[in-house]
């Protein structure tokens, strides 16, 4: 099977921007994050800023990659935020779930994603690659 890259997005955010997000109401946070993400980010208060920052960076990276796949479609950031949920596998690798109906596009066939994220004391960075699985 061949893989063809359809879109690449990268984003980096300052963790400092998210330092007070733990005090935001669930209603405010739910404009961007899923309930599961909010619960996870708030589960360790000392890590909430970096967790929110990393998930926000993935959303921005996803938006950038998505715009390369759907060249004639404009996506609003908040729409993209509500359409995705970032989780982690058992070994800690990030995975993404997408509600294509919220994006108002037909669920693309044979599309896969690779995500990588990292953070240090000041910044959280994410890269997301959208690729298409093609038969030989």
C-alpha atoms as a PDB file:
ATOM      1  CA  UNK A   1       0.000   0.000   0.000  1.00  0.00           C
ATOM      2  CA  UNK A   2       1.203   3.489  -0.852  1.00  0.00           C
ATOM      3  CA  UNK A   3       0.716   6.549   1.301  1.00  0.00           C
ATOM      4  CA  UNK A   4       0.355  10.017  -0.137  1.00  0.00           C
ATOM      5  CA  UNK A   5       0.588  13.090   2.093  1.00  0.00           C
ATOM      6  CA  UNK A   6      -2.434  15.317   1.569  1.00  0.00           C
ATOM      7  CA  UNK A   7      -1.810  17.974   4.212  1.00  0.00           C
ATOM      8  CA  UNK A   8       0.651  19.011   6.890  1.00  0.00           C
ATOM      9  CA  UNK A   9      -0.028  21.379   9.744  1.00  0.00           C
ATOM     10  CA  UNK A  10       2.187  22.611  12.534  1.00  0.00           C
ATOM     11  CA  UNK A  11       1.486  24.960  15.401  1.00  0.00           C
ATOM     12  CA  UNK A  12       3.272  26.184  18.485  1.00  0.00           C
ATOM     13  CA  UNK A  13       1.628  28.049  21.361  1.00  0.00           C
ATOM     14  CA  UNK A  14       2.926  29.666  24.516  1.00  0.00           C
ATOM     15  CA  UNK A  15       1.823  27.668  27.556  1.00  0.00           C
ATOM     16  CA  UNK A  16       1.577  30.917  29.506  1.00  0.00           C
ATOM     17  CA  UNK A  17      -1.563  31.780  27.477  1.00  0.00           C
ATOM     18  CA  UNK A  18      -3.313  28.811  29.126  1.00  0.00           C
ATOM     19  CA  UNK A  19      -2.201  29.344  32.742  1.00  0.00           C
ATOM     20  CA  UNK A  20      -5.633  30.566  33.891  1.00  0.00           C
ATOM     21  CA  UNK A  21      -7.750  28.200  31.828  1.00  0.00           C
ATOM     22  CA  UNK A  22      -8.200  25.878  34.810  1.00  0.00           C
ATOM     23  CA  UNK A  23     -10.416  28.619  36.301  1.00  0.00           C
ATOM     24  CA  UNK A  24     -12.624  28.943  33.209  1.00  0.00           C
ATOM     25  CA  UNK A  25     -16.120  27.499  33.362  1.00  0.00           C
ATOM     26  CA  UNK A  26     -16.794  24.165  31.704  1.00  0.00           C
ATOM     27  CA  UNK A  27     -19.172  26.042  29.428  1.00  0.00           C
ATOM     28  CA  UNK A  28     -16.341  28.282  28.189  1.00  0.00           C
ATOM     29  CA  UNK A  29     -13.880  25.410  27.836  1.00  0.00           C
ATOM     30  CA  UNK A  30     -16.426  23.293  25.971  1.00  0.00           C
ATOM     31  CA  UNK A  31     -16.414  25.818  23.110  1.00  0.00           C
ATOM     32  CA  UNK A  32     -12.969  24.387  22.270  1.00  0.00           C
ATOM     33  CA  UNK A  33     -12.515  21.044  24.043  1.00  0.00           C
ATOM     34  CA  UNK A  34     -14.591  17.915  24.609  1.00  0.00           C
ATOM     35  CA  UNK A  35     -15.755  16.999  28.105  1.00  0.00           C
ATOM     36  CA  UNK A  36     -13.218  14.149  28.215  1.00  0.00           C
ATOM     37  CA  UNK A  37     -10.392  16.512  27.278  1.00  0.00           C
ATOM     38  CA  UNK A  38     -11.470  19.072  29.880  1.00  0.00           C
ATOM     39  CA  UNK A  39     -11.649  16.402  32.587  1.00  0.00           C
ATOM     40  CA  UNK A  40      -8.198  15.103  31.633  1.00  0.00           C
ATOM     41  CA  UNK A  41      -6.598  18.549  31.486  1.00  0.00           C
ATOM     42  CA  UNK A  42      -8.037  19.526  34.878  1.00  0.00           C
ATOM     43  CA  UNK A  43      -7.208  16.209  36.569  1.00  0.00           C
ATOM     44  CA  UNK A  44      -3.695  17.444  37.477  1.00  0.00           C
ATOM     45  CA  UNK A  45      -3.914  21.198  38.145  1.00  0.00           C
ATOM     46  CA  UNK A  46      -0.151  21.710  37.855  1.00  0.00           C
ATOM     47  CA  UNK A  47      -0.255  20.309  34.308  1.00  0.00           C
ATOM     48  CA  UNK A  48      -3.509  21.852  33.078  1.00  0.00           C
ATOM     49  CA  UNK A  49      -1.879  24.721  31.148  1.00  0.00           C
ATOM     50  CA  UNK A  50       0.485  22.476  29.196  1.00  0.00           C
ATOM     51  CA  UNK A  51      -2.295  19.962  28.521  1.00  0.00           C
ATOM     52  CA  UNK A  52      -4.703  22.598  27.224  1.00  0.00           C
ATOM     53  CA  UNK A  53      -1.893  24.188  25.202  1.00  0.00           C
ATOM     54  CA  UNK A  54      -0.882  20.914  23.534  1.00  0.00           C
ATOM     55  CA  UNK A  55      -4.470  20.081  22.589  1.00  0.00           C
ATOM     56  CA  UNK A  56      -5.037  23.580  21.262  1.00  0.00           C
ATOM     57  CA  UNK A  57      -1.858  23.318  19.158  1.00  0.00           C
ATOM     58  CA  UNK A  58      -3.166  20.056  17.650  1.00  0.00           C
ATOM     59  CA  UNK A  59      -6.408  21.814  16.704  1.00  0.00           C
ATOM     60  CA  UNK A  60      -4.517  24.619  14.971  1.00  0.00           C
ATOM     61  CA  UNK A  61      -2.268  22.100  13.190  1.00  0.00           C
ATOM     62  CA  UNK A  62      -5.313  20.084  12.126  1.00  0.00           C
ATOM     63  CA  UNK A  63      -6.976  23.209  10.705  1.00  0.00           C
ATOM     64  CA  UNK A  64      -3.854  24.024   8.672  1.00  0.00           C
ATOM     65  CA  UNK A  65      -3.587  20.478   7.300  1.00  0.00           C
ATOM     66  CA  UNK A  66      -7.324  20.264   6.622  1.00  0.00           C
ATOM     67  CA  UNK A  67      -7.259  23.420   4.523  1.00  0.00           C
ATOM     68  CA  UNK A  68      -4.719  21.737   2.253  1.00  0.00           C
ATOM     69  CA  UNK A  69      -6.986  18.720   1.754  1.00  0.00           C
ATOM     70  CA  UNK A  70     -10.143  20.763   1.092  1.00  0.00           C
ATOM     71  CA  UNK A  71      -8.718  23.665  -0.897  1.00  0.00           C
ATOM     72  CA  UNK A  72     -12.055  25.302  -1.689  1.00  0.00           C
ATOM     73  CA  UNK A  73     -13.508  25.151   1.822  1.00  0.00           C
ATOM     74  CA  UNK A  74     -13.047  27.661   4.608  1.00  0.00           C
ATOM     75  CA  UNK A  75     -13.160  26.185   8.080  1.00  0.00           C
ATOM     76  CA  UNK A  76     -13.713  28.316  11.170  1.00  0.00           C
ATOM     77  CA  UNK A  77     -11.326  27.492  14.014  1.00  0.00           C
ATOM     78  CA  UNK A  78     -14.111  27.041  16.572  1.00  0.00           C
ATOM     79  CA  UNK A  79     -15.938  24.670  14.214  1.00  0.00           C
ATOM     80  CA  UNK A  80     -12.781  22.610  13.874  1.00  0.00           C
ATOM     81  CA  UNK A  81     -12.267  22.706  17.644  1.00  0.00           C
ATOM     82  CA  UNK A  82     -15.726  21.235  18.249  1.00  0.00           C
ATOM     83  CA  UNK A  83     -15.335  18.606  15.537  1.00  0.00           C
ATOM     84  CA  UNK A  84     -12.282  16.879  16.971  1.00  0.00           C
ATOM     85  CA  UNK A  85     -11.265  15.159  20.153  1.00  0.00           C
ATOM     86  CA  UNK A  86      -7.703  14.306  21.087  1.00  0.00           C
ATOM     87  CA  UNK A  87      -7.071  11.272  23.222  1.00  0.00           C
ATOM     88  CA  UNK A  88      -4.040   9.137  23.986  1.00  0.00           C
ATOM     89  CA  UNK A  89      -3.312   5.493  23.335  1.00  0.00           C
ATOM     90  CA  UNK A  90      -2.166   3.186  26.121  1.00  0.00           C
ATOM     91  CA  UNK A  91       1.457   4.092  25.369  1.00  0.00           C
ATOM     92  CA  UNK A  92       0.716   7.841  25.425  1.00  0.00           C
ATOM     93  CA  UNK A  93       0.665   8.538  21.680  1.00  0.00           C
ATOM     94  CA  UNK A  94      -1.943  11.135  20.720  1.00  0.00           C
ATOM     95  CA  UNK A  95      -4.868  10.080  18.543  1.00  0.00           C
ATOM     96  CA  UNK A  96      -7.603  12.169  17.000  1.00  0.00           C
ATOM     97  CA  UNK A  97     -11.298  11.476  16.478  1.00  0.00           C
ATOM     98  CA  UNK A  98     -13.158  13.619  13.946  1.00  0.00           C
ATOM     99  CA  UNK A  99     -16.864  14.315  13.599  1.00  0.00           C
ATOM    100  CA  UNK A 100     -16.954  15.015   9.856  1.00  0.00           C
ATOM    101  CA  UNK A 101     -20.609  16.079  10.012  1.00  0.00           C
ATOM    102  CA  UNK A 102     -19.651  19.049  12.184  1.00  0.00           C
ATOM    103  CA  UNK A 103     -17.142  20.057   9.515  1.00  0.00           C
ATOM    104  CA  UNK A 104     -19.882  19.746   6.877  1.00  0.00           C
ATOM    105  CA  UNK A 105     -17.784  17.558   4.616  1.00  0.00           C
ATOM    106  CA  UNK A 106     -18.312  13.986   3.561  1.00  0.00           C
ATOM    107  CA  UNK A 107     -16.176  11.562   5.537  1.00  0.00           C
ATOM    108  CA  UNK A 108     -13.127  11.135   3.295  1.00  0.00           C
ATOM    109  CA  UNK A 109     -12.250   7.541   2.530  1.00  0.00           C
ATOM    110  CA  UNK A 110      -8.773   6.141   3.144  1.00  0.00           C
ATOM    111  CA  UNK A 111      -7.638   9.167   5.159  1.00  0.00           C
ATOM    112  CA  UNK A 112      -5.352   8.679   8.145  1.00  0.00           C
ATOM    113  CA  UNK A 113      -3.578  10.991  10.549  1.00  0.00           C
ATOM    114  CA  UNK A 114      -0.256  11.118  12.291  1.00  0.00           C
ATOM    115  CA  UNK A 115       0.209  13.461  15.224  1.00  0.00           C
ATOM    116  CA  UNK A 116       3.233  14.370  17.220  1.00  0.00           C
ATOM    117  CA  UNK A 117       3.355  16.881  20.027  1.00  0.00           C
ATOM    118  CA  UNK A 118       5.861  18.120  22.522  1.00  0.00           C
ATOM    119  CA  UNK A 119       6.252  20.834  25.094  1.00  0.00           C
ATOM    120  CA  UNK A 120       8.876  22.421  27.237  1.00  0.00           C
ATOM    121  CA  UNK A 121       8.449  24.941  30.059  1.00  0.00           C
ATOM    122  CA  UNK A 122       7.285  27.700  27.719  1.00  0.00           C
ATOM    123  CA  UNK A 123       5.821  26.239  24.510  1.00  0.00           C
ATOM    124  CA  UNK A 124       3.640  23.412  23.259  1.00  0.00           C
ATOM    125  CA  UNK A 125       4.085  22.325  19.644  1.00  0.00           C
ATOM    126  CA  UNK A 126       2.102  19.923  17.477  1.00  0.00           C
ATOM    127  CA  UNK A 127       2.462  18.602  13.966  1.00  0.00           C
ATOM    128  CA  UNK A 128      -0.290  16.749  12.159  1.00  0.00           C
ATOM    129  CA  UNK A 129      -0.027  14.940   8.849  1.00  0.00           C
ATOM    130  CA  UNK A 130      -3.052  13.858   6.836  1.00  0.00           C
ATOM    131  CA  UNK A 131      -2.309  11.096   4.398  1.00  0.00           C
ATOM    132  CA  UNK A 132      -4.262   8.955   2.001  1.00  0.00           C
ATOM    133  CA  UNK A 133      -3.880   5.196   1.801  1.00  0.00           C
ATOM    134  CA  UNK A 134      -3.714   4.130  -1.837  1.00  0.00           C
ATOM    135  CA  UNK A 135      -3.643   0.633  -3.246  1.00  0.00           C
ATOM    136  CA  UNK A 136      -0.619  -0.261  -5.369  1.00  0.00           C
END
